[in-house]
C-alpha cells in the first residue's frame, strides 16, 4: 500500500510522463545501455538503498548480499551516472529517475 507521500510522488512522475521519462533517460543513460540483467541489479540495489535510508548493511540484508557488494554496485552506478550519492540534488535526481523506471518502465527503457 502506498503512503500519502509516495502517492504524491507517483502522481508527480506520471502526470508529466514525457518530462519524467526524459529525466530518467538523462540521469540513467549509461545504466540503460547495459544488458537488462545488469540494469536490474544496479537499479534494485539503488532502490534497496533508498528503502533502507541509505544503509548499505540493511540494503545488503534485503538483497541477500554483503554490504560491500552494495557499496560496489552503488559506486558503479555513481560512475555510470556521474552522480554523487552524498549530494542531495544528485540523490533526488536518481530517486525521481528510479520512480520513472518503476512507474513507466516501457517508456523509459523502450
PDB file of N, CA and C in Angstrom:
ATOM      1  N   UNK A   1       0.835  -1.169   0.000  1.00  0.00           N
ATOM      2  CA  UNK A   1       0.000   0.000   0.000  1.00  0.00           C
ATOM      3  C   UNK A   1       0.889   1.245   0.000  1.00  0.00           C
ATOM      4  N   UNK A   2       0.544   2.218  -0.795  1.00  0.00           N
ATOM      5  CA  UNK A   2       1.314   3.456  -0.876  1.00  0.00           C
ATOM      6  C   UNK A   2       0.992   4.373   0.288  1.00  0.00           C
ATOM      7  N   UNK A   3       2.021   4.977   0.848  1.00  0.00           N
ATOM      8  CA  UNK A   3       1.802   6.048   1.819  1.00  0.00           C
ATOM      9  C   UNK A   3       1.429   7.293   1.040  1.00  0.00           C
ATOM     10  N   UNK A   4       0.862   8.283   1.735  1.00  0.00           N
ATOM     11  CA  UNK A   4       0.412   9.507   1.079  1.00  0.00           C
ATOM     12  C   UNK A   4       1.541  10.190   0.333  1.00  0.00           C
ATOM     13  N   UNK A   5       2.733  10.311   0.966  1.00  0.00           N
ATOM     14  CA  UNK A   5       3.840  10.996   0.292  1.00  0.00           C
ATOM     15  C   UNK A   5       4.314  10.222  -0.932  1.00  0.00           C
ATOM     16  N   UNK A   6       4.252   8.898  -0.885  1.00  0.00           N
ATOM     17  CA  UNK A   6       4.627   8.104  -2.047  1.00  0.00           C
ATOM     18  C   UNK A   6       3.611   8.271  -3.172  1.00  0.00           C
ATOM     19  N   UNK A   7       2.339   8.363  -2.824  1.00  0.00           N
ATOM     20  CA  UNK A   7       1.296   8.541  -3.833  1.00  0.00           C
ATOM     21  C   UNK A   7       1.456   9.882  -4.530  1.00  0.00           C
ATOM     22  N   UNK A   8       1.833  10.913  -3.786  1.00  0.00           N
ATOM     23  CA  UNK A   8       2.032  12.224  -4.405  1.00  0.00           C
ATOM     24  C   UNK A   8       3.211  12.193  -5.355  1.00  0.00           C
ATOM     25  N   UNK A   9       4.274  11.508  -4.988  1.00  0.00           N
ATOM     26  CA  UNK A   9       5.426  11.402  -5.877  1.00  0.00           C
ATOM     27  C   UNK A   9       5.059  10.616  -7.130  1.00  0.00           C
ATOM     28  N   UNK A  10       4.323   9.539  -6.962  1.00  0.00           N
ATOM     29  CA  UNK A  10       3.882   8.751  -8.116  1.00  0.00           C
ATOM     30  C   UNK A  10       3.011   9.600  -9.033  1.00  0.00           C
ATOM     31  N   UNK A  11       2.136  10.403  -8.442  1.00  0.00           N
ATOM     32  CA  UNK A  11       1.289  11.287  -9.249  1.00  0.00           C
ATOM     33  C   UNK A  11       2.133  12.303 -10.001  1.00  0.00           C
ATOM     34  N   UNK A  12       3.152  12.829  -9.350  1.00  0.00           N
ATOM     35  CA  UNK A  12       4.038  13.794  -9.992  1.00  0.00           C
ATOM     36  C   UNK A  12       4.757  13.163 -11.184  1.00  0.00           C
ATOM     37  N   UNK A  13       5.315  11.987 -10.973  1.00  0.00           N
ATOM     38  CA  UNK A  13       6.066  11.304 -12.033  1.00  0.00           C
ATOM     39  C   UNK A  13       5.166  10.953 -13.208  1.00  0.00           C
ATOM     40  N   UNK A  14       3.961  10.478 -12.927  1.00  0.00           N
ATOM     41  CA  UNK A  14       3.081  10.034 -14.009  1.00  0.00           C
ATOM     42  C   UNK A  14       2.261  11.159 -14.628  1.00  0.00           C
ATOM     43  N   UNK A  15       2.179  12.301 -13.963  1.00  0.00           N
ATOM     44  CA  UNK A  15       1.363  13.386 -14.510  1.00  0.00           C
ATOM     45  C   UNK A  15       2.006  14.044 -15.728  1.00  0.00           C
ATOM     46  N   UNK A  16       3.313  14.010 -15.800  1.00  0.00           N
ATOM     47  CA  UNK A  16       4.027  14.561 -16.959  1.00  0.00           C
ATOM     48  C   UNK A  16       5.027  13.491 -17.408  1.00  0.00           C
ATOM     49  N   UNK A  17       4.516  12.441 -18.047  1.00  0.00           N
ATOM     50  CA  UNK A  17       5.389  11.314 -18.380  1.00  0.00           C
ATOM     51  C   UNK A  17       6.555  11.684 -19.286  1.00  0.00           C
ATOM     52  N   UNK A  18       6.355  12.603 -20.217  1.00  0.00           N
ATOM     53  CA  UNK A  18       7.447  12.965 -21.118  1.00  0.00           C
ATOM     54  C   UNK A  18       8.625  13.549 -20.336  1.00  0.00           C
ATOM     55  N   UNK A  19       8.298  14.392 -19.363  1.00  0.00           N
ATOM     56  CA  UNK A  19       9.336  15.007 -18.542  1.00  0.00           C
ATOM     57  C   UNK A  19      10.027  13.968 -17.664  1.00  0.00           C
ATOM     58  N   UNK A  20       9.243  13.083 -17.071  1.00  0.00           N
ATOM     59  CA  UNK A  20       9.795  12.046 -16.200  1.00  0.00           C
ATOM     60  C   UNK A  20      10.667  11.065 -16.975  1.00  0.00           C
ATOM     61  N   UNK A  21      10.210  10.680 -18.146  1.00  0.00           N
ATOM     62  CA  UNK A  21      10.985   9.760 -18.989  1.00  0.00           C
ATOM     63  C   UNK A  21      12.284  10.435 -19.414  1.00  0.00           C
ATOM     64  N   UNK A  22      12.208  11.683 -19.811  1.00  0.00           N
ATOM     65  CA  UNK A  22      13.410  12.419 -20.194  1.00  0.00           C
ATOM     66  C   UNK A  22      14.403  12.530 -19.056  1.00  0.00           C
ATOM     67  N   UNK A  23      13.901  12.827 -17.863  1.00  0.00           N
ATOM     68  CA  UNK A  23      14.778  12.915 -16.690  1.00  0.00           C
ATOM     69  C   UNK A  23      15.442  11.573 -16.413  1.00  0.00           C
ATOM     70  N   UNK A  24      14.644  10.503 -16.466  1.00  0.00           N
ATOM     71  CA  UNK A  24      15.182   9.168 -16.192  1.00  0.00           C
ATOM     72  C   UNK A  24      16.239   8.780 -17.215  1.00  0.00           C
ATOM     73  N   UNK A  25      15.952   9.027 -18.468  1.00  0.00           N
ATOM     74  CA  UNK A  25      16.931   8.678 -19.518  1.00  0.00           C
ATOM     75  C   UNK A  25      18.199   9.507 -19.386  1.00  0.00           C
ATOM     76  N   UNK A  26      18.060  10.778 -19.043  1.00  0.00           N
ATOM     77  CA  UNK A  26      19.241  11.624 -18.875  1.00  0.00           C
ATOM     78  C   UNK A  26      20.058  11.180 -17.665  1.00  0.00           C
ATOM     79  N   UNK A  27      19.390  10.913 -16.553  1.00  0.00           N
ATOM     80  CA  UNK A  27      20.102  10.528 -15.329  1.00  0.00           C
ATOM     81  C   UNK A  27      20.724   9.139 -15.436  1.00  0.00           C
ATOM     82  N   UNK A  28      20.047   8.237 -16.141  1.00  0.00           N
ATOM     83  CA  UNK A  28      20.467   6.832 -16.170  1.00  0.00           C
ATOM     84  C   UNK A  28      20.968   6.375 -17.535  1.00  0.00           C
ATOM     85  N   UNK A  29      21.325   7.309 -18.401  1.00  0.00           N
ATOM     86  CA  UNK A  29      21.651   6.959 -19.787  1.00  0.00           C
ATOM     87  C   UNK A  29      22.642   5.816 -19.911  1.00  0.00           C
ATOM     88  N   UNK A  30      23.752   5.885 -19.211  1.00  0.00           N
ATOM     89  CA  UNK A  30      24.767   4.825 -19.348  1.00  0.00           C
ATOM     90  C   UNK A  30      24.338   3.536 -18.665  1.00  0.00           C
ATOM     91  N   UNK A  31      23.524   3.627 -17.639  1.00  0.00           N
ATOM     92  CA  UNK A  31      22.984   2.426 -16.990  1.00  0.00           C
ATOM     93  C   UNK A  31      22.033   1.717 -17.949  1.00  0.00           C
ATOM     94  N   UNK A  32      21.214   2.492 -18.648  1.00  0.00           N
ATOM     95  CA  UNK A  32      20.235   1.908 -19.565  1.00  0.00           C
ATOM     96  C   UNK A  32      20.865   1.315 -20.821  1.00  0.00           C
ATOM     97  N   UNK A  33      22.148   1.556 -21.027  1.00  0.00           N
ATOM     98  CA  UNK A  33      22.867   0.942 -22.146  1.00  0.00           C
ATOM     99  C   UNK A  33      23.377  -0.456 -21.798  1.00  0.00           C
ATOM    100  N   UNK A  34      23.388  -0.790 -20.512  1.00  0.00           N
ATOM    101  CA  UNK A  34      23.863  -2.091 -20.063  1.00  0.00           C
ATOM    102  C   UNK A  34      22.835  -3.168 -20.396  1.00  0.00           C
ATOM    103  N   UNK A  35      23.257  -4.443 -20.399  1.00  0.00           N
ATOM    104  CA  UNK A  35      22.276  -5.521 -20.548  1.00  0.00           C
ATOM    105  C   UNK A  35      21.210  -5.398 -19.446  1.00  0.00           C
ATOM    106  N   UNK A  36      19.997  -5.805 -19.753  1.00  0.00           N
ATOM    107  CA  UNK A  36      18.869  -5.629 -18.836  1.00  0.00           C
ATOM    108  C   UNK A  36      19.147  -6.246 -17.460  1.00  0.00           C
ATOM    109  N   UNK A  37      19.779  -7.401 -17.428  1.00  0.00           N
ATOM    110  CA  UNK A  37      20.062  -8.048 -16.155  1.00  0.00           C
ATOM    111  C   UNK A  37      20.961  -7.167 -15.282  1.00  0.00           C
ATOM    112  N   UNK A  38      21.952  -6.548 -15.885  1.00  0.00           N
ATOM    113  CA  UNK A  38      22.865  -5.670 -15.160  1.00  0.00           C
ATOM    114  C   UNK A  38      22.155  -4.392 -14.710  1.00  0.00           C
ATOM    115  N   UNK A  39      21.297  -3.860 -15.581  1.00  0.00           N
ATOM    116  CA  UNK A  39      20.483  -2.700 -15.213  1.00  0.00           C
ATOM    117  C   UNK A  39      19.663  -3.034 -13.967  1.00  0.00           C
ATOM    118  N   UNK A  40      19.000  -4.179 -14.017  1.00  0.00           N
ATOM    119  CA  UNK A  40      18.120  -4.575 -12.921  1.00  0.00           C
ATOM    120  C   UNK A  40      18.877  -4.686 -11.600  1.00  0.00           C
ATOM    121  N   UNK A  41      20.059  -5.270 -11.626  1.00  0.00           N
ATOM    122  CA  UNK A  41      20.849  -5.415 -10.402  1.00  0.00           C
ATOM    123  C   UNK A  41      21.193  -4.039  -9.818  1.00  0.00           C
ATOM    124  N   UNK A  42      21.654  -3.135 -10.672  1.00  0.00           N
ATOM    125  CA  UNK A  42      22.021  -1.802 -10.185  1.00  0.00           C
ATOM    126  C   UNK A  42      20.811  -1.025  -9.687  1.00  0.00           C
ATOM    127  N   UNK A  43      19.712  -1.091 -10.418  1.00  0.00           N
ATOM    128  CA  UNK A  43      18.519  -0.347 -10.017  1.00  0.00           C
ATOM    129  C   UNK A  43      17.859  -0.956  -8.781  1.00  0.00           C
ATOM    130  N   UNK A  44      17.874  -2.277  -8.650  1.00  0.00           N
ATOM    131  CA  UNK A  44      17.348  -2.914  -7.439  1.00  0.00           C
ATOM    132  C   UNK A  44      18.199  -2.560  -6.228  1.00  0.00           C
ATOM    133  N   UNK A  45      19.499  -2.470  -6.431  1.00  0.00           N
ATOM    134  CA  UNK A  45      20.391  -2.083  -5.343  1.00  0.00           C
ATOM    135  C   UNK A  45      20.116  -0.640  -4.923  1.00  0.00           C
ATOM    136  N   UNK A  46      19.961   0.235  -5.896  1.00  0.00           N
ATOM    137  CA  UNK A  46      19.656   1.636  -5.586  1.00  0.00           C
ATOM    138  C   UNK A  46      18.321   1.729  -4.849  1.00  0.00           C
ATOM    139  N   UNK A  47      17.322   0.994  -5.299  1.00  0.00           N
ATOM    140  CA  UNK A  47      16.012   1.013  -4.645  1.00  0.00           C
ATOM    141  C   UNK A  47      16.120   0.514  -3.203  1.00  0.00           C
ATOM    142  N   UNK A  48      16.859  -0.561  -2.991  1.00  0.00           N
ATOM    143  CA  UNK A  48      17.032  -1.086  -1.636  1.00  0.00           C
ATOM    144  C   UNK A  48      17.767  -0.085  -0.751  1.00  0.00           C
ATOM    145  N   UNK A  49      18.751   0.598  -1.309  1.00  0.00           N
ATOM    146  CA  UNK A  49      19.498   1.610  -0.568  1.00  0.00           C
ATOM    147  C   UNK A  49      18.572   2.758  -0.159  1.00  0.00           C
ATOM    148  N   UNK A  50      17.721   3.198  -1.089  1.00  0.00           N
ATOM    149  CA  UNK A  50      16.739   4.232  -0.752  1.00  0.00           C
ATOM    150  C   UNK A  50      15.768   3.730   0.311  1.00  0.00           C
ATOM    151  N   UNK A  51      15.263   2.517   0.141  1.00  0.00           N
ATOM    152  CA  UNK A  51      14.271   1.962   1.064  1.00  0.00           C
ATOM    153  C   UNK A  51      14.814   1.763   2.473  1.00  0.00           C
ATOM    154  N   UNK A  52      16.130   1.636   2.593  1.00  0.00           N
ATOM    155  CA  UNK A  52      16.747   1.430   3.906  1.00  0.00           C
ATOM    156  C   UNK A  52      17.450   2.695   4.400  1.00  0.00           C
ATOM    157  N   UNK A  53      17.010   3.830   3.878  1.00  0.00           N
ATOM    158  CA  UNK A  53      17.537   5.133   4.307  1.00  0.00           C
ATOM    159  C   UNK A  53      19.049   5.261   4.147  1.00  0.00           C
ATOM    160  N   UNK A  54      19.560   4.698   3.076  1.00  0.00           N
ATOM    161  CA  UNK A  54      20.977   4.848   2.756  1.00  0.00           C
ATOM    162  C   UNK A  54      21.908   3.923   3.524  1.00  0.00           C
ATOM    163  N   UNK A  55      21.397   2.848   4.043  1.00  0.00           N
ATOM    164  CA  UNK A  55      22.220   1.902   4.801  1.00  0.00           C
ATOM    165  C   UNK A  55      22.669   0.743   3.912  1.00  0.00           C
ATOM    166  N   UNK A  56      23.962   0.675   3.592  1.00  0.00           N
ATOM    167  CA  UNK A  56      24.449  -0.464   2.795  1.00  0.00           C
ATOM    168  C   UNK A  56      24.243  -1.803   3.506  1.00  0.00           C
ATOM    169  N   UNK A  57      24.378  -1.825   4.829  1.00  0.00           N
ATOM    170  CA  UNK A  57      24.202  -3.076   5.570  1.00  0.00           C
ATOM    171  C   UNK A  57      22.757  -3.561   5.479  1.00  0.00           C
ATOM    172  N   UNK A  58      21.800  -2.647   5.702  1.00  0.00           N
ATOM    173  CA  UNK A  58      20.390  -3.032   5.620  1.00  0.00           C
ATOM    174  C   UNK A  58      19.988  -3.372   4.188  1.00  0.00           C
ATOM    175  N   UNK A  59      20.504  -2.629   3.229  1.00  0.00           N
ATOM    176  CA  UNK A  59      20.225  -2.936   1.821  1.00  0.00           C
ATOM    177  C   UNK A  59      20.785  -4.309   1.469  1.00  0.00           C
ATOM    178  N   UNK A  60      21.977  -4.607   1.965  1.00  0.00           N
ATOM    179  CA  UNK A  60      22.578  -5.917   1.715  1.00  0.00           C
ATOM    180  C   UNK A  60      21.728  -7.051   2.277  1.00  0.00           C
ATOM    181  N   UNK A  61      21.220  -6.858   3.491  1.00  0.00           N
ATOM    182  CA  UNK A  61      20.336  -7.885   4.070  1.00  0.00           C
ATOM    183  C   UNK A  61      19.086  -8.064   3.205  1.00  0.00           C
ATOM    184  N   UNK A  62      18.529  -6.970   2.751  1.00  0.00           N
ATOM    185  CA  UNK A  62      17.328  -7.034   1.915  1.00  0.00           C
ATOM    186  C   UNK A  62      17.614  -7.754   0.598  1.00  0.00           C
ATOM    187  N   UNK A  63      18.812  -7.528   0.041  1.00  0.00           N
ATOM    188  CA  UNK A  63      19.187  -8.105  -1.254  1.00  0.00           C
ATOM    189  C   UNK A  63      19.894  -9.452  -1.123  1.00  0.00           C
ATOM    190  N   UNK A  64      20.136  -9.880   0.110  1.00  0.00           N
ATOM    191  CA  UNK A  64      20.838 -11.134   0.385  1.00  0.00           C
ATOM    192  C   UNK A  64      22.267 -11.106  -0.164  1.00  0.00           C
ATOM    193  N   UNK A  65      22.945  -9.986   0.092  1.00  0.00           N
ATOM    194  CA  UNK A  65      24.351  -9.873  -0.287  1.00  0.00           C
ATOM    195  C   UNK A  65      25.077  -9.052   0.782  1.00  0.00           C
ATOM    196  N   UNK A  66      26.376  -9.008   0.693  1.00  0.00           N
ATOM    197  CA  UNK A  66      27.196  -8.293   1.667  1.00  0.00           C
ATOM    198  C   UNK A  66      27.102  -6.787   1.437  1.00  0.00           C
ATOM    199  N   UNK A  67      27.245  -6.027   2.510  1.00  0.00           N
ATOM    200  CA  UNK A  67      27.186  -4.558   2.389  1.00  0.00           C
ATOM    201  C   UNK A  67      28.253  -4.022   1.444  1.00  0.00           C
ATOM    202  N   UNK A  68      29.406  -4.696   1.362  1.00  0.00           N
ATOM    203  CA  UNK A  68      30.443  -4.248   0.428  1.00  0.00           C
ATOM    204  C   UNK A  68      30.005  -4.445  -1.024  1.00  0.00           C
ATOM    205  N   UNK A  69      29.190  -5.458  -1.270  1.00  0.00           N
ATOM    206  CA  UNK A  69      28.627  -5.654  -2.608  1.00  0.00           C
ATOM    207  C   UNK A  69      27.697  -4.495  -2.944  1.00  0.00           C
ATOM    208  N   UNK A  70      26.901  -4.078  -1.968  1.00  0.00           N
ATOM    209  CA  UNK A  70      26.016  -2.922  -2.163  1.00  0.00           C
ATOM    210  C   UNK A  70      26.857  -1.689  -2.464  1.00  0.00           C
ATOM    211  N   UNK A  71      27.894  -1.476  -1.689  1.00  0.00           N
ATOM    212  CA  UNK A  71      28.767  -0.312  -1.925  1.00  0.00           C
ATOM    213  C   UNK A  71      29.401  -0.367  -3.313  1.00  0.00           C
ATOM    214  N   UNK A  72      29.861  -1.533  -3.718  1.00  0.00           N
ATOM    215  CA  UNK A  72      30.456  -1.693  -5.047  1.00  0.00           C
ATOM    216  C   UNK A  72      29.446  -1.322  -6.133  1.00  0.00           C
ATOM    217  N   UNK A  73      28.231  -1.846  -5.999  1.00  0.00           N
ATOM    218  CA  UNK A  73      27.203  -1.560  -7.007  1.00  0.00           C
ATOM    219  C   UNK A  73      26.843  -0.077  -7.030  1.00  0.00           C
ATOM    220  N   UNK A  74      26.735   0.537  -5.855  1.00  0.00           N
ATOM    221  CA  UNK A  74      26.424   1.970  -5.792  1.00  0.00           C
ATOM    222  C   UNK A  74      27.557   2.800  -6.391  1.00  0.00           C
ATOM    223  N   UNK A  75      28.799   2.396  -6.142  1.00  0.00           N
ATOM    224  CA  UNK A  75      29.933   3.096  -6.752  1.00  0.00           C
ATOM    225  C   UNK A  75      29.899   2.972  -8.271  1.00  0.00           C
ATOM    226  N   UNK A  76      29.563   1.787  -8.753  1.00  0.00           N
ATOM    227  CA  UNK A  76      29.456   1.587 -10.202  1.00  0.00           C
ATOM    228  C   UNK A  76      28.345   2.464 -10.771  1.00  0.00           C
ATOM    229  N   UNK A  77      27.220   2.517 -10.092  1.00  0.00           N
ATOM    230  CA  UNK A  77      26.111   3.348 -10.535  1.00  0.00           C
ATOM    231  C   UNK A  77      26.522   4.821 -10.535  1.00  0.00           C
ATOM    232  N   UNK A  78      27.232   5.237  -9.507  1.00  0.00           N
ATOM    233  CA  UNK A  78      27.699   6.630  -9.428  1.00  0.00           C
ATOM    234  C   UNK A  78      28.656   6.948 -10.575  1.00  0.00           C
ATOM    235  N   UNK A  79      29.546   6.028 -10.890  1.00  0.00           N
ATOM    236  CA  UNK A  79      30.475   6.240 -12.001  1.00  0.00           C
ATOM    237  C   UNK A  79      29.729   6.343 -13.327  1.00  0.00           C
ATOM    238  N   UNK A  80      28.748   5.469 -13.516  1.00  0.00           N
ATOM    239  CA  UNK A  80      28.000   5.466 -14.774  1.00  0.00           C
ATOM    240  C   UNK A  80      27.134   6.716 -14.941  1.00  0.00           C
ATOM    241  N   UNK A  81      26.581   7.205 -13.837  1.00  0.00           N
ATOM    242  CA  UNK A  81      25.657   8.339 -13.921  1.00  0.00           C
ATOM    243  C   UNK A  81      26.336   9.682 -13.696  1.00  0.00           C
ATOM    244  N   UNK A  82      27.528   9.657 -13.107  1.00  0.00           N
ATOM    245  CA  UNK A  82      28.184  10.909 -12.751  1.00  0.00           C
ATOM    246  C   UNK A  82      27.576  11.560 -11.524  1.00  0.00           C
ATOM    247  N   UNK A  83      26.726  10.838 -10.820  1.00  0.00           N
ATOM    248  CA  UNK A  83      26.073  11.367  -9.625  1.00  0.00           C
ATOM    249  C   UNK A  83      26.886  11.036  -8.375  1.00  0.00           C
ATOM    250  N   UNK A  84      26.823  11.932  -7.425  1.00  0.00           N
ATOM    251  CA  UNK A  84      27.480  11.760  -6.135  1.00  0.00           C
ATOM    252  C   UNK A  84      26.388  11.480  -5.107  1.00  0.00           C
ATOM    253  N   UNK A  85      26.415  10.292  -4.529  1.00  0.00           N
ATOM    254  CA  UNK A  85      25.367   9.884  -3.597  1.00  0.00           C
ATOM    255  C   UNK A  85      25.473  10.583  -2.246  1.00  0.00           C
ATOM    256  N   UNK A  86      26.339  11.569  -2.147  1.00  0.00           N
ATOM    257  CA  UNK A  86      26.406  12.412  -0.947  1.00  0.00           C
ATOM    258  C   UNK A  86      25.748  13.764  -1.190  1.00  0.00           C
ATOM    259  N   UNK A  87      25.363  14.033  -2.437  1.00  0.00           N
ATOM    260  CA  UNK A  87      24.778  15.326  -2.788  1.00  0.00           C
ATOM    261  C   UNK A  87      23.257  15.207  -2.916  1.00  0.00           C
ATOM    262  N   UNK A  88      22.521  15.999  -2.152  1.00  0.00           N
ATOM    263  CA  UNK A  88      21.059  15.914  -2.197  1.00  0.00           C
ATOM    264  C   UNK A  88      20.469  16.071  -3.600  1.00  0.00           C
ATOM    265  N   UNK A  89      20.988  16.972  -4.396  1.00  0.00           N
ATOM    266  CA  UNK A  89      20.451  17.150  -5.750  1.00  0.00           C
ATOM    267  C   UNK A  89      20.632  15.909  -6.601  1.00  0.00           C
ATOM    268  N   UNK A  90      21.790  15.278  -6.506  1.00  0.00           N
ATOM    269  CA  UNK A  90      22.041  14.049  -7.268  1.00  0.00           C
ATOM    270  C   UNK A  90      21.156  12.913  -6.771  1.00  0.00           C
ATOM    271  N   UNK A  91      20.998  12.828  -5.457  1.00  0.00           N
ATOM    272  CA  UNK A  91      20.150  11.785  -4.880  1.00  0.00           C
ATOM    273  C   UNK A  91      18.704  11.969  -5.336  1.00  0.00           C
ATOM    274  N   UNK A  92      18.241  13.202  -5.333  1.00  0.00           N
ATOM    275  CA  UNK A  92      16.873  13.492  -5.773  1.00  0.00           C
ATOM    276  C   UNK A  92      16.683  13.111  -7.228  1.00  0.00           C
ATOM    277  N   UNK A  93      17.642  13.470  -8.060  1.00  0.00           N
ATOM    278  CA  UNK A  93      17.575  13.141  -9.491  1.00  0.00           C
ATOM    279  C   UNK A  93      17.491  11.625  -9.687  1.00  0.00           C
ATOM    280  N   UNK A  94      18.323  10.886  -8.972  1.00  0.00           N
ATOM    281  CA  UNK A  94      18.299   9.425  -9.100  1.00  0.00           C
ATOM    282  C   UNK A  94      17.006   8.831  -8.551  1.00  0.00           C
ATOM    283  N   UNK A  95      16.494   9.398  -7.471  1.00  0.00           N
ATOM    284  CA  UNK A  95      15.249   8.886  -6.905  1.00  0.00           C
ATOM    285  C   UNK A  95      14.093   9.073  -7.898  1.00  0.00           C
ATOM    286  N   UNK A  96      14.005  10.261  -8.468  1.00  0.00           N
ATOM    287  CA  UNK A  96      12.949  10.516  -9.449  1.00  0.00           C
ATOM    288  C   UNK A  96      13.121   9.636 -10.686  1.00  0.00           C
ATOM    289  N   UNK A  97      14.351   9.452 -11.119  1.00  0.00           N
ATOM    290  CA  UNK A  97      14.615   8.579 -12.271  1.00  0.00           C
ATOM    291  C   UNK A  97      14.208   7.145 -11.958  1.00  0.00           C
ATOM    292  N   UNK A  98      14.532   6.691 -10.768  1.00  0.00           N
ATOM    293  CA  UNK A  98      14.165   5.341 -10.361  1.00  0.00           C
ATOM    294  C   UNK A  98      12.650   5.175 -10.304  1.00  0.00           C
ATOM    295  N   UNK A  99      11.953   6.177  -9.813  1.00  0.00           N
ATOM    296  CA  UNK A  99      10.490   6.138  -9.786  1.00  0.00           C
ATOM    297  C   UNK A  99       9.927   6.092 -11.211  1.00  0.00           C
ATOM    298  N   UNK A 100      10.524   6.836 -12.113  1.00  0.00           N
ATOM    299  CA  UNK A 100      10.076   6.796 -13.508  1.00  0.00           C
ATOM    300  C   UNK A 100      10.282   5.410 -14.103  1.00  0.00           C
ATOM    301  N   UNK A 101      11.412   4.777 -13.804  1.00  0.00           N
ATOM    302  CA  UNK A 101      11.660   3.414 -14.301  1.00  0.00           C
ATOM    303  C   UNK A 101      10.618   2.464 -13.720  1.00  0.00           C
ATOM    304  N   UNK A 102      10.301   2.637 -12.451  1.00  0.00           N
ATOM    305  CA  UNK A 102       9.334   1.762 -11.785  1.00  0.00           C
ATOM    306  C   UNK A 102       7.917   1.969 -12.331  1.00  0.00           C
ATOM    307  N   UNK A 103       7.531   3.222 -12.545  1.00  0.00           N
ATOM    308  CA  UNK A 103       6.156   3.536 -12.928  1.00  0.00           C
ATOM    309  C   UNK A 103       5.938   3.565 -14.435  1.00  0.00           C
ATOM    310  N   UNK A 104       6.973   3.850 -15.198  1.00  0.00           N
ATOM    311  CA  UNK A 104       6.864   3.970 -16.663  1.00  0.00           C
ATOM    312  C   UNK A 104       7.958   3.147 -17.342  1.00  0.00           C
ATOM    313  N   UNK A 105       8.086   1.869 -16.990  1.00  0.00           N
ATOM    314  CA  UNK A 105       9.240   1.086 -17.468  1.00  0.00           C
ATOM    315  C   UNK A 105       9.351   0.977 -18.979  1.00  0.00           C
ATOM    316  N   UNK A 106       8.242   0.768 -19.654  1.00  0.00           N
ATOM    317  CA  UNK A 106       8.297   0.598 -21.106  1.00  0.00           C
ATOM    318  C   UNK A 106       8.734   1.893 -21.805  1.00  0.00           C
ATOM    319  N   UNK A 107       8.296   3.007 -21.274  1.00  0.00           N
ATOM    320  CA  UNK A 107       8.653   4.291 -21.876  1.00  0.00           C
ATOM    321  C   UNK A 107      10.114   4.645 -21.601  1.00  0.00           C
ATOM    322  N   UNK A 108      10.597   4.369 -20.395  1.00  0.00           N
ATOM    323  CA  UNK A 108      11.979   4.704 -20.057  1.00  0.00           C
ATOM    324  C   UNK A 108      12.947   3.774 -20.776  1.00  0.00           C
ATOM    325  N   UNK A 109      12.660   2.494 -20.750  1.00  0.00           N
ATOM    326  CA  UNK A 109      13.589   1.512 -21.315  1.00  0.00           C
ATOM    327  C   UNK A 109      13.364   1.263 -22.795  1.00  0.00           C
ATOM    328  N   UNK A 110      12.242   1.719 -23.306  1.00  0.00           N
ATOM    329  CA  UNK A 110      11.886   1.416 -24.686  1.00  0.00           C
ATOM    330  C   UNK A 110      12.424   2.312 -25.677  1.00  0.00           C
TER     331      UNK A 110
END
